[in-house]
Amino acid sequence: MKYFILVLFVLLFAGCANPTMVQSIQNGDYGLTCEEIAIEIAEANRLKQEAASKKGFTGGNVARSIFLWPTVLGTYSNANQAINAADIRLSHLAKIQHDMNCKGDK
């Protein structure tokens, strides 16, 4: 019985999807060129989309909801944190891009 509970807890914590969390403000951001800022913006957008894909009716979420429903809440929470971090990163980079008068500035 004690092994069953241990396995259950391991599955519970391992079952949450962990999208890549971008660091919102990074050392060296103010030293980036306009081209490097555009690359960083594209990467932040990619990570945001990756995190968003972890939400909803994915195969993993359906399986988690059947066997260990609390992990779905963890997955959504992790995804929301990653999306928020990417949004802050995008805003930070857009400000730098604007201050530098880069062509990609919108």
C-alpha atoms as a PDB file:
ATOM      1  CA  MET A   1       0.000   0.000   0.000  1.00  0.00           C
ATOM      2  CA  LYS A   2       2.784   2.409   0.848  1.00  0.00           C
ATOM      3  CA  TYR A   3       4.394   1.764  -2.575  1.00  0.00           C
ATOM      4  CA  PHE A   4       1.088   2.455  -4.286  1.00  0.00           C
ATOM      5  CA  ILE A   5       0.860   5.856  -2.583  1.00  0.00           C
ATOM      6  CA  LEU A   6       4.478   6.625  -3.487  1.00  0.00           C
ATOM      7  CA  VAL A   7       3.855   5.731  -7.144  1.00  0.00           C
ATOM      8  CA  LEU A   8       0.679   7.813  -7.120  1.00  0.00           C
ATOM      9  CA  PHE A   9       2.560  10.888  -5.862  1.00  0.00           C
ATOM     10  CA  VAL A  10       5.337  10.410  -8.401  1.00  0.00           C
ATOM     11  CA  LEU A  11       2.780  10.208 -11.195  1.00  0.00           C
ATOM     12  CA  LEU A  12       0.944  13.219  -9.814  1.00  0.00           C
ATOM     13  CA  PHE A  13       3.993  15.448  -9.859  1.00  0.00           C
ATOM     14  CA  ALA A  14       5.487  14.042 -13.051  1.00  0.00           C
ATOM     15  CA  GLY A  15       2.146  14.255 -14.835  1.00  0.00           C
ATOM     16  CA  CYS A  16       2.034  18.035 -15.105  1.00  0.00           C
ATOM     17  CA  ALA A  17       3.229  19.450 -18.400  1.00  0.00           C
ATOM     18  CA  ASN A  18       6.110  21.868 -17.927  1.00  0.00           C
ATOM     19  CA  PRO A  19       6.415  24.234 -20.877  1.00  0.00           C
ATOM     20  CA  THR A  20       9.673  26.132 -21.238  1.00  0.00           C
ATOM     21  CA  MET A  21       9.606  29.267 -19.123  1.00  0.00           C
ATOM     22  CA  VAL A  22      11.375  32.221 -20.698  1.00  0.00           C
ATOM     23  CA  GLN A  23      13.243  34.640 -18.446  1.00  0.00           C
ATOM     24  CA  SER A  24      11.356  37.916 -18.961  1.00  0.00           C
ATOM     25  CA  ILE A  25      14.362  40.221 -18.711  1.00  0.00           C
ATOM     26  CA  GLN A  26      17.779  38.867 -19.560  1.00  0.00           C
ATOM     27  CA  ASN A  27      21.277  40.206 -19.075  1.00  0.00           C
ATOM     28  CA  GLY A  28      22.459  41.761 -22.279  1.00  0.00           C
ATOM     29  CA  ASP A  29      19.009  42.698 -23.599  1.00  0.00           C
ATOM     30  CA  TYR A  30      20.027  46.342 -23.924  1.00  0.00           C
ATOM     31  CA  GLY A  31      23.087  45.374 -25.951  1.00  0.00           C
ATOM     32  CA  LEU A  32      21.122  43.509 -28.629  1.00  0.00           C
ATOM     33  CA  THR A  33      21.043  44.684 -32.217  1.00  0.00           C
ATOM     34  CA  CYS A  34      17.727  45.213 -34.004  1.00  0.00           C
ATOM     35  CA  GLU A  35      18.150  41.871 -35.776  1.00  0.00           C
ATOM     36  CA  GLU A  36      18.885  40.071 -32.508  1.00  0.00           C
ATOM     37  CA  ILE A  37      15.799  41.657 -30.926  1.00  0.00           C
ATOM     38  CA  ALA A  38      13.681  40.344 -33.809  1.00  0.00           C
ATOM     39  CA  ILE A  39      15.115  36.858 -33.215  1.00  0.00           C
ATOM     40  CA  GLU A  40      14.382  37.098 -29.487  1.00  0.00           C
ATOM     41  CA  ILE A  41      10.813  38.228 -30.231  1.00  0.00           C
ATOM     42  CA  ALA A  42      10.314  35.262 -32.556  1.00  0.00           C
ATOM     43  CA  GLU A  43      11.645  32.891 -29.877  1.00  0.00           C
ATOM     44  CA  ALA A  44       9.389  34.383 -27.177  1.00  0.00           C
ATOM     45  CA  ASN A  45       6.397  34.010 -29.515  1.00  0.00           C
ATOM     46  CA  ARG A  46       7.362  30.385 -30.193  1.00  0.00           C
ATOM     47  CA  LEU A  47       7.599  29.615 -26.472  1.00  0.00           C
ATOM     48  CA  LYS A  48       4.259  31.335 -25.873  1.00  0.00           C
ATOM     49  CA  GLN A  49       2.609  29.193 -28.562  1.00  0.00           C
ATOM     50  CA  GLU A  50       4.253  26.068 -27.133  1.00  0.00           C
ATOM     51  CA  ALA A  51       2.836  26.868 -23.695  1.00  0.00           C
ATOM     52  CA  ALA A  52      -0.614  27.602 -25.117  1.00  0.00           C
ATOM     53  CA  SER A  53      -0.586  24.227 -26.868  1.00  0.00           C
ATOM     54  CA  LYS A  54      -0.308  22.518 -23.460  1.00  0.00           C
ATOM     55  CA  LYS A  55      -3.774  23.798 -22.555  1.00  0.00           C
ATOM     56  CA  GLY A  56      -7.042  22.449 -23.876  1.00  0.00           C
ATOM     57  CA  PHE A  57      -8.051  18.968 -24.951  1.00  0.00           C
ATOM     58  CA  THR A  58      -4.692  17.436 -25.683  1.00  0.00           C
ATOM     59  CA  GLY A  59      -4.193  13.704 -25.416  1.00  0.00           C
ATOM     60  CA  GLY A  60      -2.033  14.171 -22.347  1.00  0.00           C
ATOM     61  CA  ASN A  61      -4.589  16.368 -20.613  1.00  0.00           C
ATOM     62  CA  VAL A  62      -7.405  13.920 -21.325  1.00  0.00           C
ATOM     63  CA  ALA A  63      -5.354  11.039 -19.898  1.00  0.00           C
ATOM     64  CA  ARG A  64      -4.397  13.132 -16.879  1.00  0.00           C
ATOM     65  CA  SER A  65      -8.018  14.107 -16.268  1.00  0.00           C
ATOM     66  CA  ILE A  66      -9.086  10.455 -16.258  1.00  0.00           C
ATOM     67  CA  PHE A  67      -6.393   9.120 -13.955  1.00  0.00           C
ATOM     68  CA  LEU A  68      -5.050  12.064 -11.969  1.00  0.00           C
ATOM     69  CA  TRP A  69      -7.290  15.081 -12.480  1.00  0.00           C
ATOM     70  CA  PRO A  70      -5.296  17.455 -10.198  1.00  0.00           C
ATOM     71  CA  THR A  71      -2.404  17.288 -12.680  1.00  0.00           C
ATOM     72  CA  VAL A  72      -4.589  19.042 -15.261  1.00  0.00           C
ATOM     73  CA  LEU A  73      -4.770  22.011 -12.902  1.00  0.00           C
ATOM     74  CA  GLY A  74      -0.979  21.937 -12.585  1.00  0.00           C
ATOM     75  CA  THR A  75      -0.600  21.797 -16.349  1.00  0.00           C
ATOM     76  CA  TYR A  76      -2.885  24.800 -16.840  1.00  0.00           C
ATOM     77  CA  SER A  77      -1.099  26.725 -14.102  1.00  0.00           C
ATOM     78  CA  ASN A  78       2.331  25.968 -15.605  1.00  0.00           C
ATOM     79  CA  ALA A  79       1.131  26.958 -19.076  1.00  0.00           C
ATOM     80  CA  ASN A  80      -0.379  30.208 -17.811  1.00  0.00           C
ATOM     81  CA  GLN A  81       2.856  31.119 -16.019  1.00  0.00           C
ATOM     82  CA  ALA A  82       4.884  30.440 -19.174  1.00  0.00           C
ATOM     83  CA  ILE A  83       2.474  32.507 -21.287  1.00  0.00           C
ATOM     84  CA  ASN A  84       2.643  35.384 -18.805  1.00  0.00           C
ATOM     85  CA  ALA A  85       6.455  35.290 -18.764  1.00  0.00           C
ATOM     86  CA  ALA A  86       6.533  35.320 -22.582  1.00  0.00           C
ATOM     87  CA  ASP A  87       4.128  38.279 -22.674  1.00  0.00           C
ATOM     88  CA  ILE A  88       6.343  40.246 -20.273  1.00  0.00           C
ATOM     89  CA  ARG A  89       9.391  39.344 -22.394  1.00  0.00           C
ATOM     90  CA  LEU A  90       7.640  40.476 -25.572  1.00  0.00           C
ATOM     91  CA  SER A  91       6.649  43.783 -23.982  1.00  0.00           C
ATOM     92  CA  HIS A  92      10.201  44.330 -22.697  1.00  0.00           C
ATOM     93  CA  LEU A  93      11.714  43.593 -26.114  1.00  0.00           C
ATOM     94  CA  ALA A  94       9.169  45.804 -27.883  1.00  0.00           C
ATOM     95  CA  LYS A  95      10.161  48.719 -25.656  1.00  0.00           C
ATOM     96  CA  ILE A  96      13.852  48.209 -26.439  1.00  0.00           C
ATOM     97  CA  GLN A  97      13.002  47.864 -30.124  1.00  0.00           C
ATOM     98  CA  HIS A  98      11.034  51.120 -30.011  1.00  0.00           C
ATOM     99  CA  ASP A  99      13.774  52.974 -28.120  1.00  0.00           C
ATOM    100  CA  MET A 100      16.313  51.855 -30.746  1.00  0.00           C
ATOM    101  CA  ASN A 101      14.021  52.886 -33.652  1.00  0.00           C
ATOM    102  CA  CYS A 102      14.284  49.437 -35.201  1.00  0.00           C
ATOM    103  CA  LYS A 103      12.435  48.830 -38.490  1.00  0.00           C
ATOM    104  CA  GLY A 104      10.413  45.979 -36.971  1.00  0.00           C
ATOM    105  CA  ASP A 105       8.978  48.351 -34.370  1.00  0.00           C
ATOM    106  CA  LYS A 106       5.195  48.438 -34.524  1.00  0.00           C
END
